[in-house]
């Protein structure tokens, strides 16, 4: 005997039309595909570009702050670093101040790849910004930062 609960289709439509999480996920997937396609000639995905850009600092950062900036846990960051290490673009070193910790840095080859990818990113970003209404890109960034 089944006492299944029926949710009206009108509720499904309401969620489809109003759910911020759904709309942000859809937009994120579309942007990720667009940047993946754009950055492919540089040999990077959008996630790798963001990760490598987060390492472009005067001093090698520890894993914790990089993971926090990218909104990922350290296990996920470790997995994301592995292909970049294999390509020789990122170096993971022991932290001399805390031997349990690791510091991350771009290698010279990694910096060269990032330099090749940056104009592609800038061009792609300008195209996306141009599709939004006047001031829309800045407002969108502010609104998304408020949520995160």
Protein backbone atom coordinates (compact mmCIF):
# COMPACT_ATOMS: atom_id res chain seq x y z
CA UNK A 1 0.00 0.00 0.00
CA UNK A 2 1.44 3.31 -1.07
CA UNK A 3 0.52 6.67 0.30
CA UNK A 4 2.58 8.74 -2.10
CA UNK A 5 2.45 12.47 -1.73
CA UNK A 6 1.84 14.40 -4.90
CA UNK A 7 3.52 17.74 -5.39
CA UNK A 8 1.61 19.91 -7.85
CA UNK A 9 3.31 20.63 -11.17
CA UNK A 10 2.73 24.32 -10.49
CA UNK A 11 5.19 23.96 -7.59
CA UNK A 12 7.76 22.47 -9.96
CA UNK A 13 7.35 25.47 -12.26
CA UNK A 14 7.60 27.89 -9.34
CA UNK A 15 10.86 26.29 -8.16
CA UNK A 16 12.20 26.28 -11.74
CA UNK A 17 11.47 29.98 -12.09
CA UNK A 18 12.55 31.22 -8.65
CA UNK A 19 15.27 28.93 -7.26
CA UNK A 20 18.47 30.97 -6.92
CA UNK A 21 20.55 27.83 -6.51
CA UNK A 22 19.27 26.40 -9.81
CA UNK A 23 19.87 29.66 -11.68
CA UNK A 24 23.37 30.10 -10.27
CA UNK A 25 24.24 26.46 -11.07
CA UNK A 26 23.00 26.81 -14.65
CA UNK A 27 24.90 30.07 -15.14
CA UNK A 28 28.04 28.57 -13.56
CA UNK A 29 27.92 25.57 -15.89
CA UNK A 30 27.42 27.79 -18.94
CA UNK A 31 30.29 30.07 -17.94
CA UNK A 32 32.53 27.10 -17.14
CA UNK A 33 31.91 25.61 -20.60
CA UNK A 34 32.56 28.97 -22.26
CA UNK A 35 35.85 29.54 -20.41
CA UNK A 36 36.92 25.90 -20.85
CA UNK A 37 36.48 26.28 -24.61
CA UNK A 38 38.27 29.62 -24.66
CA UNK A 39 41.23 28.49 -22.52
CA UNK A 40 41.70 25.12 -24.29
CA UNK A 41 44.37 26.55 -26.68
CA UNK A 42 46.45 27.48 -23.62
CA UNK A 43 46.10 23.93 -22.29
CA UNK A 44 43.99 24.94 -19.29
CA UNK A 45 40.49 24.50 -17.97
CA UNK A 46 38.74 27.40 -16.25
CA UNK A 47 39.32 25.72 -12.87
CA UNK A 48 43.03 25.31 -13.55
CA UNK A 49 43.28 28.94 -14.65
CA UNK A 50 41.63 30.12 -11.41
CA UNK A 51 43.83 27.83 -9.32
CA UNK A 52 47.03 28.94 -11.02
CA UNK A 53 46.01 32.61 -10.83
CA UNK A 54 45.42 32.16 -7.08
CA UNK A 55 49.07 31.07 -6.79
CA UNK A 56 50.37 34.16 -8.59
CA UNK A 57 51.57 35.91 -5.43
CA UNK A 58 54.82 37.44 -4.22
CA UNK A 59 55.27 34.60 -1.70
CA UNK A 60 54.13 30.97 -2.01
CA UNK A 61 50.83 30.61 -0.14
CA UNK A 62 49.90 27.72 2.15
CA UNK A 63 47.20 25.33 0.97
CA UNK A 64 44.56 26.49 3.48
CA UNK A 65 44.11 30.05 2.20
CA UNK A 66 44.17 28.88 -1.44
CA UNK A 67 41.50 26.27 -0.72
CA UNK A 68 39.40 28.90 1.08
CA UNK A 69 39.72 31.39 -1.78
CA UNK A 70 38.60 28.73 -4.27
CA UNK A 71 35.82 27.49 -1.94
CA UNK A 72 37.13 23.93 -1.89
CA UNK A 73 38.44 21.61 0.79
CA UNK A 74 42.14 20.75 0.93
CA UNK A 75 41.57 17.22 -0.38
CA UNK A 76 39.91 18.61 -3.51
CA UNK A 77 42.70 21.17 -3.88
CA UNK A 78 45.32 18.42 -3.62
CA UNK A 79 43.57 16.48 -6.40
CA UNK A 80 43.32 19.63 -8.56
CA UNK A 81 47.04 20.31 -8.11
CA UNK A 82 48.20 16.88 -9.28
CA UNK A 83 47.77 17.39 -13.07
CA UNK A 84 49.38 20.84 -12.80
CA UNK A 85 52.32 19.30 -10.93
CA UNK A 86 52.68 16.54 -13.55
CA UNK A 87 52.84 19.20 -16.28
CA UNK A 88 55.52 21.02 -14.30
CA UNK A 89 53.41 24.16 -13.84
CA UNK A 90 52.98 24.08 -10.07
CA UNK A 91 55.36 23.15 -7.28
CA UNK A 92 54.23 21.89 -3.86
CA UNK A 93 56.86 22.37 -1.15
CA UNK A 94 57.14 21.64 2.54
CA UNK A 95 56.44 24.71 4.66
CA UNK A 96 59.69 25.46 6.53
CA UNK A 97 57.70 27.07 9.38
CA UNK A 98 55.34 24.09 9.74
CA UNK A 99 56.63 20.82 8.32
CA UNK A 100 53.10 19.39 8.25
CA UNK A 101 51.95 22.17 5.89
CA UNK A 102 52.60 22.73 2.21
CA UNK A 103 53.35 25.87 0.22
CA UNK A 104 52.28 26.27 -3.40
CA UNK A 105 54.02 28.13 -6.19
CA UNK A 106 53.98 28.51 -9.94
CA UNK A 107 57.03 27.25 -11.79
CA UNK A 108 58.53 29.35 -14.60
CA UNK A 109 56.67 27.10 -17.10
CA UNK A 110 53.47 27.63 -15.10
CA UNK A 111 53.93 31.39 -15.23
CA UNK A 112 54.42 31.17 -19.00
CA UNK A 113 51.19 29.17 -19.43
CA UNK A 114 49.34 31.64 -17.24
CA UNK A 115 50.74 34.56 -19.27
CA UNK A 116 49.50 32.87 -22.46
CA UNK A 117 46.04 32.27 -20.94
CA UNK A 118 45.54 35.74 -19.44
CA UNK A 119 44.74 37.59 -22.70
CA UNK A 120 42.29 34.81 -23.60
CA UNK A 121 40.60 35.20 -20.23
CA UNK A 122 40.52 39.00 -20.59
CA UNK A 123 38.95 38.81 -24.04
CA UNK A 124 36.38 36.22 -22.96
CA UNK A 125 35.54 38.22 -19.85
CA UNK A 126 35.08 41.42 -21.85
CA UNK A 127 32.70 39.60 -24.19
CA UNK A 128 30.63 38.32 -21.26
CA UNK A 129 30.62 41.72 -19.54
CA UNK A 130 29.42 43.24 -22.81
CA UNK A 131 26.39 40.97 -22.84
CA UNK A 132 25.20 42.27 -19.48
CA UNK A 133 23.33 45.55 -19.05
CA UNK A 134 25.29 48.67 -18.08
CA UNK A 135 26.76 48.09 -14.62
CA UNK A 136 25.37 44.55 -14.57
CA UNK A 137 28.72 42.79 -14.32
CA UNK A 138 29.83 44.78 -11.28
CA UNK A 139 26.44 44.33 -9.61
CA UNK A 140 26.47 40.60 -10.33
CA UNK A 141 29.94 40.27 -8.78
CA UNK A 142 28.82 42.19 -5.68
CA UNK A 143 25.67 40.09 -5.32
CA UNK A 144 27.57 36.82 -5.71
CA UNK A 145 30.21 37.94 -3.20
CA UNK A 146 27.44 38.78 -0.75
CA UNK A 147 26.17 35.19 -1.04
CA UNK A 148 29.59 33.66 -0.55
